[in-house]
């Protein structure tokens, strides 16, 4: 069972900061899933070629981060149990 008082994010961030981080993580997940986010770029300047690389994260890492942030914010991340009728 998840405990918000002892999680990795307990006391580290305000609710607004957590909500902002959740929004950014969800946008990064969408960008990575749709392929619109680049990882490595190269360009030429007057004195030579430059290159910039960013560390690529995996979909699973982003999903785990999103679920942790949602749990810390108290957002219900588990689906409702199926209803069963007893006769």
PDB file of N, CA and C in Angstrom:
ATOM      1  N   UNK A   1       0.842  -1.167   0.000  1.00  0.00           N
ATOM      2  CA  UNK A   1       0.000   0.000   0.000  1.00  0.00           C
ATOM      3  C   UNK A   1       0.893   1.238   0.000  1.00  0.00           C
ATOM      4  N   UNK A   2       0.516   2.218  -0.766  1.00  0.00           N
ATOM      5  CA  UNK A   2       1.288   3.446  -0.901  1.00  0.00           C
ATOM      6  C   UNK A   2       1.032   4.363   0.291  1.00  0.00           C
ATOM      7  N   UNK A   3       2.101   4.902   0.865  1.00  0.00           N
ATOM      8  CA  UNK A   3       1.989   5.841   1.973  1.00  0.00           C
ATOM      9  C   UNK A   3       2.611   7.166   1.554  1.00  0.00           C
ATOM     10  N   UNK A   4       1.797   8.209   1.443  1.00  0.00           N
ATOM     11  CA  UNK A   4       2.286   9.521   1.001  1.00  0.00           C
ATOM     12  C   UNK A   4       3.266  10.143   1.983  1.00  0.00           C
ATOM     13  N   UNK A   5       3.214   9.747   3.247  1.00  0.00           N
ATOM     14  CA  UNK A   5       4.099  10.338   4.256  1.00  0.00           C
ATOM     15  C   UNK A   5       5.512   9.769   4.214  1.00  0.00           C
ATOM     16  N   UNK A   6       5.692   8.594   3.610  1.00  0.00           N
ATOM     17  CA  UNK A   6       7.017   7.980   3.576  1.00  0.00           C
ATOM     18  C   UNK A   6       7.534   7.748   2.159  1.00  0.00           C
ATOM     19  N   UNK A   7       6.862   8.283   1.162  1.00  0.00           N
ATOM     20  CA  UNK A   7       7.302   8.061  -0.223  1.00  0.00           C
ATOM     21  C   UNK A   7       8.540   8.906  -0.531  1.00  0.00           C
ATOM     22  N   UNK A   8       9.108   8.682  -1.694  1.00  0.00           N
ATOM     23  CA  UNK A   8      10.296   9.439  -2.106  1.00  0.00           C
ATOM     24  C   UNK A   8      10.032  10.932  -2.225  1.00  0.00           C
ATOM     25  N   UNK A   9       8.805  11.311  -2.495  1.00  0.00           N
ATOM     26  CA  UNK A   9       8.463  12.713  -2.709  1.00  0.00           C
ATOM     27  C   UNK A   9       7.860  13.385  -1.474  1.00  0.00           C
ATOM     28  N   UNK A  10       7.811  12.689  -0.346  1.00  0.00           N
ATOM     29  CA  UNK A  10       7.188  13.235   0.862  1.00  0.00           C
ATOM     30  C   UNK A  10       7.961  14.451   1.367  1.00  0.00           C
ATOM     31  N   UNK A  11       7.256  15.575   1.460  1.00  0.00           N
ATOM     32  CA  UNK A  11       7.849  16.791   2.000  1.00  0.00           C
ATOM     33  C   UNK A  11       8.803  17.521   1.082  1.00  0.00           C
ATOM     34  N   UNK A  12       9.112  16.962  -0.061  1.00  0.00           N
ATOM     35  CA  UNK A  12      10.101  17.557  -0.949  1.00  0.00           C
ATOM     36  C   UNK A  12       9.513  18.674  -1.796  1.00  0.00           C
ATOM     37  N   UNK A  13       8.252  18.558  -2.136  1.00  0.00           N
ATOM     38  CA  UNK A  13       7.645  19.501  -3.063  1.00  0.00           C
ATOM     39  C   UNK A  13       6.259  19.888  -2.567  1.00  0.00           C
ATOM     40  N   UNK A  14       5.843  21.095  -2.948  1.00  0.00           N
ATOM     41  CA  UNK A  14       4.484  21.518  -2.637  1.00  0.00           C
ATOM     42  C   UNK A  14       3.522  20.836  -3.605  1.00  0.00           C
ATOM     43  N   UNK A  15       2.232  20.935  -3.312  1.00  0.00           N
ATOM     44  CA  UNK A  15       1.220  20.332  -4.187  1.00  0.00           C
ATOM     45  C   UNK A  15       1.270  20.941  -5.581  1.00  0.00           C
ATOM     46  N   UNK A  16       1.499  22.252  -5.673  1.00  0.00           N
ATOM     47  CA  UNK A  16       1.580  22.914  -6.982  1.00  0.00           C
ATOM     48  C   UNK A  16       2.789  22.424  -7.772  1.00  0.00           C
ATOM     49  N   UNK A  17       3.917  22.236  -7.081  1.00  0.00           N
ATOM     50  CA  UNK A  17       5.114  21.736  -7.755  1.00  0.00           C
ATOM     51  C   UNK A  17       4.906  20.303  -8.239  1.00  0.00           C
ATOM     52  N   UNK A  18       4.235  19.499  -7.419  1.00  0.00           N
ATOM     53  CA  UNK A  18       3.938  18.121  -7.828  1.00  0.00           C
ATOM     54  C   UNK A  18       3.016  18.101  -9.038  1.00  0.00           C
ATOM     55  N   UNK A  19       2.010  18.971  -9.038  1.00  0.00           N
ATOM     56  CA  UNK A  19       1.072  19.036 -10.163  1.00  0.00           C
ATOM     57  C   UNK A  19       1.796  19.480 -11.430  1.00  0.00           C
ATOM     58  N   UNK A  20       2.707  20.447 -11.304  1.00  0.00           N
ATOM     59  CA  UNK A  20       3.483  20.919 -12.450  1.00  0.00           C
ATOM     60  C   UNK A  20       4.399  19.805 -12.975  1.00  0.00           C
ATOM     61  N   UNK A  21       5.029  19.072 -12.066  1.00  0.00           N
ATOM     62  CA  UNK A  21       5.899  17.963 -12.478  1.00  0.00           C
ATOM     63  C   UNK A  21       5.090  16.874 -13.171  1.00  0.00           C
ATOM     64  N   UNK A  22       3.872  16.623 -12.681  1.00  0.00           N
ATOM     65  CA  UNK A  22       3.008  15.623 -13.311  1.00  0.00           C
ATOM     66  C   UNK A  22       2.635  16.048 -14.728  1.00  0.00           C
ATOM     67  N   UNK A  23       2.307  17.307 -14.897  1.00  0.00           N
ATOM     68  CA  UNK A  23       1.961  17.820 -16.229  1.00  0.00           C
ATOM     69  C   UNK A  23       3.140  17.684 -17.185  1.00  0.00           C
ATOM     70  N   UNK A  24       4.342  18.035 -16.725  1.00  0.00           N
ATOM     71  CA  UNK A  24       5.546  17.925 -17.564  1.00  0.00           C
ATOM     72  C   UNK A  24       5.854  16.470 -17.911  1.00  0.00           C
ATOM     73  N   UNK A  25       5.709  15.578 -16.942  1.00  0.00           N
ATOM     74  CA  UNK A  25       5.976  14.157 -17.190  1.00  0.00           C
ATOM     75  C   UNK A  25       4.971  13.575 -18.182  1.00  0.00           C
ATOM     76  N   UNK A  26       3.712  13.966 -18.060  1.00  0.00           N
ATOM     77  CA  UNK A  26       2.704  13.480 -18.994  1.00  0.00           C
ATOM     78  C   UNK A  26       2.969  14.013 -20.405  1.00  0.00           C
ATOM     79  N   UNK A  27       3.401  15.274 -20.511  1.00  0.00           N
ATOM     80  CA  UNK A  27       3.722  15.829 -21.824  1.00  0.00           C
ATOM     81  C   UNK A  27       4.940  15.134 -22.425  1.00  0.00           C
ATOM     82  N   UNK A  28       5.944  14.843 -21.591  1.00  0.00           N
ATOM     83  CA  UNK A  28       7.128  14.122 -22.076  1.00  0.00           C
ATOM     84  C   UNK A  28       6.748  12.720 -22.549  1.00  0.00           C
ATOM     85  N   UNK A  29       5.823  12.068 -21.842  1.00  0.00           N
ATOM     86  CA  UNK A  29       5.351  10.741 -22.243  1.00  0.00           C
ATOM     87  C   UNK A  29       4.661  10.807 -23.603  1.00  0.00           C
ATOM     88  N   UNK A  30       3.827  11.812 -23.790  1.00  0.00           N
ATOM     89  CA  UNK A  30       3.135  11.988 -25.064  1.00  0.00           C
ATOM     90  C   UNK A  30       4.131  12.270 -26.182  1.00  0.00           C
ATOM     91  N   UNK A  31       5.103  13.155 -25.912  1.00  0.00           N
ATOM     92  CA  UNK A  31       6.117  13.484 -26.922  1.00  0.00           C
ATOM     93  C   UNK A  31       6.951  12.268 -27.298  1.00  0.00           C
ATOM     94  N   UNK A  32       7.335  11.476 -26.304  1.00  0.00           N
ATOM     95  CA  UNK A  32       8.148  10.296 -26.578  1.00  0.00           C
ATOM     96  C   UNK A  32       7.345   9.236 -27.328  1.00  0.00           C
ATOM     97  N   UNK A  33       6.075   9.064 -26.944  1.00  0.00           N
ATOM     98  CA  UNK A  33       5.237   8.061 -27.600  1.00  0.00           C
ATOM     99  C   UNK A  33       4.929   8.431 -29.045  1.00  0.00           C
ATOM    100  N   UNK A  34       4.787   9.724 -29.303  1.00  0.00           N
ATOM    101  CA  UNK A  34       4.449  10.150 -30.657  1.00  0.00           C
ATOM    102  C   UNK A  34       5.678  10.355 -31.544  1.00  0.00           C
ATOM    103  N   UNK A  35       6.871  10.284 -30.965  1.00  0.00           N
ATOM    104  CA  UNK A  35       8.092  10.450 -31.732  1.00  0.00           C
ATOM    105  C   UNK A  35       8.423  11.888 -32.071  1.00  0.00           C
ATOM    106  N   UNK A  36       7.791  12.837 -31.403  1.00  0.00           N
ATOM    107  CA  UNK A  36       8.041  14.240 -31.719  1.00  0.00           C
ATOM    108  C   UNK A  36       9.199  14.841 -30.932  1.00  0.00           C
ATOM    109  N   UNK A  37       9.785  14.085 -30.020  1.00  0.00           N
ATOM    110  CA  UNK A  37      10.897  14.595 -29.223  1.00  0.00           C
ATOM    111  C   UNK A  37      12.195  14.012 -29.735  1.00  0.00           C
ATOM    112  N   UNK A  38      13.136  14.861 -30.103  1.00  0.00           N
ATOM    113  CA  UNK A  38      14.427  14.401 -30.596  1.00  0.00           C
ATOM    114  C   UNK A  38      15.392  14.081 -29.479  1.00  0.00           C
ATOM    115  N   UNK A  39      16.418  13.298 -29.790  1.00  0.00           N
ATOM    116  CA  UNK A  39      17.395  12.899 -28.794  1.00  0.00           C
ATOM    117  C   UNK A  39      18.775  13.458 -29.121  1.00  0.00           C
ATOM    118  N   UNK A  40      19.122  13.516 -30.375  1.00  0.00           N
ATOM    119  CA  UNK A  40      20.440  13.987 -30.774  1.00  0.00           C
ATOM    120  C   UNK A  40      20.302  14.974 -31.932  1.00  0.00           C
ATOM    121  N   UNK A  41      21.016  16.097 -31.814  1.00  0.00           N
ATOM    122  CA  UNK A  41      20.951  17.139 -32.836  1.00  0.00           C
ATOM    123  C   UNK A  41      22.355  17.543 -33.241  1.00  0.00           C
ATOM    124  N   UNK A  42      22.502  17.897 -34.493  1.00  0.00           N
ATOM    125  CA  UNK A  42      23.776  18.385 -34.978  1.00  0.00           C
ATOM    126  C   UNK A  42      23.555  19.573 -35.879  1.00  0.00           C
ATOM    127  N   UNK A  43      24.455  20.532 -35.796  1.00  0.00           N
ATOM    128  CA  UNK A  43      24.332  21.729 -36.622  1.00  0.00           C
ATOM    129  C   UNK A  43      25.719  22.255 -36.954  1.00  0.00           C
ATOM    130  N   UNK A  44      25.797  23.076 -37.963  1.00  0.00           N
ATOM    131  CA  UNK A  44      27.072  23.621 -38.403  1.00  0.00           C
ATOM    132  C   UNK A  44      27.123  25.114 -38.124  1.00  0.00           C
ATOM    133  N   UNK A  45      28.218  25.516 -37.499  1.00  0.00           N
ATOM    134  CA  UNK A  45      28.476  26.943 -37.299  1.00  0.00           C
ATOM    135  C   UNK A  45      29.618  27.339 -38.208  1.00  0.00           C
ATOM    136  N   UNK A  46      29.958  28.599 -38.192  1.00  0.00           N
ATOM    137  CA  UNK A  46      31.033  29.070 -39.062  1.00  0.00           C
ATOM    138  C   UNK A  46      32.360  28.380 -38.827  1.00  0.00           C
ATOM    139  N   UNK A  47      32.638  27.985 -37.583  1.00  0.00           N
ATOM    140  CA  UNK A  47      33.943  27.382 -37.282  1.00  0.00           C
ATOM    141  C   UNK A  47      33.902  25.854 -37.162  1.00  0.00           C
ATOM    142  N   UNK A  48      32.808  25.241 -37.492  1.00  0.00           N
ATOM    143  CA  UNK A  48      32.766  23.779 -37.449  1.00  0.00           C
ATOM    144  C   UNK A  48      31.390  23.235 -37.097  1.00  0.00           C
ATOM    145  N   UNK A  49      31.354  21.930 -36.951  1.00  0.00           N
ATOM    146  CA  UNK A  49      30.093  21.251 -36.663  1.00  0.00           C
ATOM    147  C   UNK A  49      29.942  21.050 -35.165  1.00  0.00           C
ATOM    148  N   UNK A  50      28.759  21.295 -34.658  1.00  0.00           N
ATOM    149  CA  UNK A  50      28.447  21.106 -33.240  1.00  0.00           C
ATOM    150  C   UNK A  50      27.394  20.006 -33.115  1.00  0.00           C
ATOM    151  N   UNK A  51      27.396  19.350 -31.991  1.00  0.00           N
ATOM    152  CA  UNK A  51      26.439  18.282 -31.755  1.00  0.00           C
ATOM    153  C   UNK A  51      25.948  18.347 -30.310  1.00  0.00           C
ATOM    154  N   UNK A  52      24.675  18.114 -30.115  1.00  0.00           N
ATOM    155  CA  UNK A  52      24.073  18.110 -28.782  1.00  0.00           C
ATOM    156  C   UNK A  52      23.271  16.829 -28.650  1.00  0.00           C
ATOM    157  N   UNK A  53      23.431  16.136 -27.526  1.00  0.00           N
ATOM    158  CA  UNK A  53      22.685  14.906 -27.278  1.00  0.00           C
ATOM    159  C   UNK A  53      21.995  15.001 -25.925  1.00  0.00           C
ATOM    160  N   UNK A  54      20.805  14.466 -25.863  1.00  0.00           N
ATOM    161  CA  UNK A  54      20.059  14.399 -24.618  1.00  0.00           C
ATOM    162  C   UNK A  54      19.855  12.948 -24.264  1.00  0.00           C
ATOM    163  N   UNK A  55      19.825  12.656 -22.973  1.00  0.00           N
ATOM    164  CA  UNK A  55      19.602  11.286 -22.536  1.00  0.00           C
ATOM    165  C   UNK A  55      18.144  10.916 -22.779  1.00  0.00           C
ATOM    166  N   UNK A  56      17.946   9.818 -23.442  1.00  0.00           N
ATOM    167  CA  UNK A  56      16.593   9.362 -23.738  1.00  0.00           C
ATOM    168  C   UNK A  56      16.100   8.485 -22.593  1.00  0.00           C
ATOM    169  N   UNK A  57      14.901   8.726 -22.161  1.00  0.00           N
ATOM    170  CA  UNK A  57      14.285   7.903 -21.124  1.00  0.00           C
ATOM    171  C   UNK A  57      13.345   6.905 -21.775  1.00  0.00           C
ATOM    172  N   UNK A  58      13.018   5.891 -21.047  1.00  0.00           N
ATOM    173  CA  UNK A  58      12.132   4.876 -21.614  1.00  0.00           C
ATOM    174  C   UNK A  58      10.688   5.173 -21.247  1.00  0.00           C
ATOM    175  N   UNK A  59       9.779   4.576 -21.965  1.00  0.00           N
ATOM    176  CA  UNK A  59       8.357   4.740 -21.695  1.00  0.00           C
ATOM    177  C   UNK A  59       8.022   4.196 -20.304  1.00  0.00           C
ATOM    178  N   UNK A  60       8.664   3.108 -19.925  1.00  0.00           N
ATOM    179  CA  UNK A  60       8.394   2.508 -18.616  1.00  0.00           C
ATOM    180  C   UNK A  60       8.837   3.429 -17.480  1.00  0.00           C
ATOM    181  N   UNK A  61       9.999   4.095 -17.656  1.00  0.00           N
ATOM    182  CA  UNK A  61      10.476   5.032 -16.637  1.00  0.00           C
ATOM    183  C   UNK A  61       9.516   6.202 -16.476  1.00  0.00           C
ATOM    184  N   UNK A  62       9.050   6.732 -17.586  1.00  0.00           N
ATOM    185  CA  UNK A  62       8.100   7.839 -17.525  1.00  0.00           C
ATOM    186  C   UNK A  62       6.775   7.405 -16.906  1.00  0.00           C
ATOM    187  N   UNK A  63       6.321   6.213 -17.244  1.00  0.00           N
ATOM    188  CA  UNK A  63       5.067   5.723 -16.681  1.00  0.00           C
ATOM    189  C   UNK A  63       5.187   5.544 -15.168  1.00  0.00           C
ATOM    190  N   UNK A  64       6.329   5.035 -14.708  1.00  0.00           N
ATOM    191  CA  UNK A  64       6.548   4.858 -13.271  1.00  0.00           C
ATOM    192  C   UNK A  64       6.569   6.211 -12.556  1.00  0.00           C
ATOM    193  N   UNK A  65       7.212   7.202 -13.165  1.00  0.00           N
ATOM    194  CA  UNK A  65       7.245   8.551 -12.584  1.00  0.00           C
ATOM    195  C   UNK A  65       5.850   9.147 -12.510  1.00  0.00           C
ATOM    196  N   UNK A  66       5.080   9.006 -13.568  1.00  0.00           N
ATOM    197  CA  UNK A  66       3.712   9.531 -13.595  1.00  0.00           C
ATOM    198  C   UNK A  66       2.867   8.865 -12.515  1.00  0.00           C
ATOM    199  N   UNK A  67       2.994   7.560 -12.360  1.00  0.00           N
ATOM    200  CA  UNK A  67       2.218   6.854 -11.343  1.00  0.00           C
ATOM    201  C   UNK A  67       2.632   7.265  -9.936  1.00  0.00           C
ATOM    202  N   UNK A  68       3.928   7.497  -9.707  1.00  0.00           N
ATOM    203  CA  UNK A  68       4.393   7.960  -8.400  1.00  0.00           C
ATOM    204  C   UNK A  68       3.842   9.348  -8.091  1.00  0.00           C
ATOM    205  N   UNK A  69       3.895  10.245  -9.062  1.00  0.00           N
ATOM    206  CA  UNK A  69       3.365  11.592  -8.859  1.00  0.00           C
ATOM    207  C   UNK A  69       1.860  11.561  -8.612  1.00  0.00           C
ATOM    208  N   UNK A  70       1.144  10.729  -9.358  1.00  0.00           N
ATOM    209  CA  UNK A  70      -0.296  10.620  -9.154  1.00  0.00           C
ATOM    210  C   UNK A  70      -0.623  10.078  -7.765  1.00  0.00           C
ATOM    211  N   UNK A  71       0.126   9.090  -7.322  1.00  0.00           N
ATOM    212  CA  UNK A  71      -0.107   8.527  -5.991  1.00  0.00           C
ATOM    213  C   UNK A  71       0.187   9.567  -4.910  1.00  0.00           C
ATOM    214  N   UNK A  72       1.263  10.338  -5.076  1.00  0.00           N
ATOM    215  CA  UNK A  72       1.610  11.361  -4.102  1.00  0.00           C
ATOM    216  C   UNK A  72       0.536  12.454  -4.045  1.00  0.00           C
ATOM    217  N   UNK A  73      -0.067  12.750  -5.182  1.00  0.00           N
ATOM    218  CA  UNK A  73      -1.125  13.757  -5.233  1.00  0.00           C
ATOM    219  C   UNK A  73      -2.480  13.196  -4.787  1.00  0.00           C
ATOM    220  N   UNK A  74      -2.563  11.891  -4.595  1.00  0.00           N
ATOM    221  CA  UNK A  74      -3.814  11.286  -4.160  1.00  0.00           C
ATOM    222  C   UNK A  74      -4.782  11.014  -5.289  1.00  0.00           C
ATOM    223  N   UNK A  75      -4.288  11.008  -6.511  1.00  0.00           N
ATOM    224  CA  UNK A  75      -5.120  10.699  -7.670  1.00  0.00           C
ATOM    225  C   UNK A  75      -5.282   9.187  -7.730  1.00  0.00           C
ATOM    226  N   UNK A  76      -6.515   8.727  -7.868  1.00  0.00           N
ATOM    227  CA  UNK A  76      -6.786   7.292  -7.901  1.00  0.00           C
ATOM    228  C   UNK A  76      -6.206   6.706  -9.173  1.00  0.00           C
ATOM    229  N   UNK A  77      -5.166   5.892  -9.021  1.00  0.00           N
ATOM    230  CA  UNK A  77      -4.508   5.321 -10.199  1.00  0.00           C
ATOM    231  C   UNK A  77      -4.923   3.877 -10.442  1.00  0.00           C
ATOM    232  N   UNK A  78      -5.633   3.284  -9.490  1.00  0.00           N
ATOM    233  CA  UNK A  78      -6.085   1.910  -9.672  1.00  0.00           C
ATOM    234  C   UNK A  78      -7.522   1.919 -10.161  1.00  0.00           C
ATOM    235  N   UNK A  79      -7.830   1.105 -11.148  1.00  0.00           N
ATOM    236  CA  UNK A  79      -9.214   1.046 -11.606  1.00  0.00           C
ATOM    237  C   UNK A  79     -10.110   0.428 -10.538  1.00  0.00           C
ATOM    238  N   UNK A  80     -11.362   0.717 -10.641  1.00  0.00           N
ATOM    239  CA  UNK A  80     -12.334   0.174  -9.707  1.00  0.00           C
ATOM    240  C   UNK A  80     -12.440  -1.329  -9.879  1.00  0.00           C
ATOM    241  N   UNK A  81     -12.610  -2.026  -8.758  1.00  0.00           N
ATOM    242  CA  UNK A  81     -12.763  -3.480  -8.826  1.00  0.00           C
ATOM    243  C   UNK A  81     -14.059  -3.817  -9.538  1.00  0.00           C
ATOM    244  N   UNK A  82     -14.092  -4.928 -10.250  1.00  0.00           N
ATOM    245  CA  UNK A  82     -15.333  -5.309 -10.917  1.00  0.00           C
ATOM    246  C   UNK A  82     -16.425  -5.620  -9.885  1.00  0.00           C
ATOM    247  N   UNK A  83     -17.630  -5.263 -10.231  1.00  0.00           N
ATOM    248  CA  UNK A  83     -18.759  -5.543  -9.349  1.00  0.00           C
ATOM    249  C   UNK A  83     -19.166  -7.001  -9.525  1.00  0.00           C
ATOM    250  N   UNK A  84     -19.394  -7.655  -8.412  1.00  0.00           N
ATOM    251  CA  UNK A  84     -19.829  -9.050  -8.450  1.00  0.00           C
ATOM    252  C   UNK A  84     -21.100  -9.171  -7.639  1.00  0.00           C
ATOM    253  N   UNK A  85     -22.029  -9.847  -8.187  1.00  0.00           N
ATOM    254  CA  UNK A  85     -23.299 -10.046  -7.508  1.00  0.00           C
ATOM    255  C   UNK A  85     -23.307 -11.399  -6.817  1.00  0.00           C
ATOM    256  N   UNK A  86     -23.787 -11.389  -5.605  1.00  0.00           N
ATOM    257  CA  UNK A  86     -23.902 -12.641  -4.855  1.00  0.00           C
ATOM    258  C   UNK A  86     -25.383 -12.957  -4.688  1.00  0.00           C
ATOM    259  N   UNK A  87     -25.735 -14.175  -5.000  1.00  0.00           N
ATOM    260  CA  UNK A  87     -27.125 -14.598  -4.891  1.00  0.00           C
ATOM    261  C   UNK A  87     -27.301 -15.540  -3.727  1.00  0.00           C
TER     262      UNK A  87
END
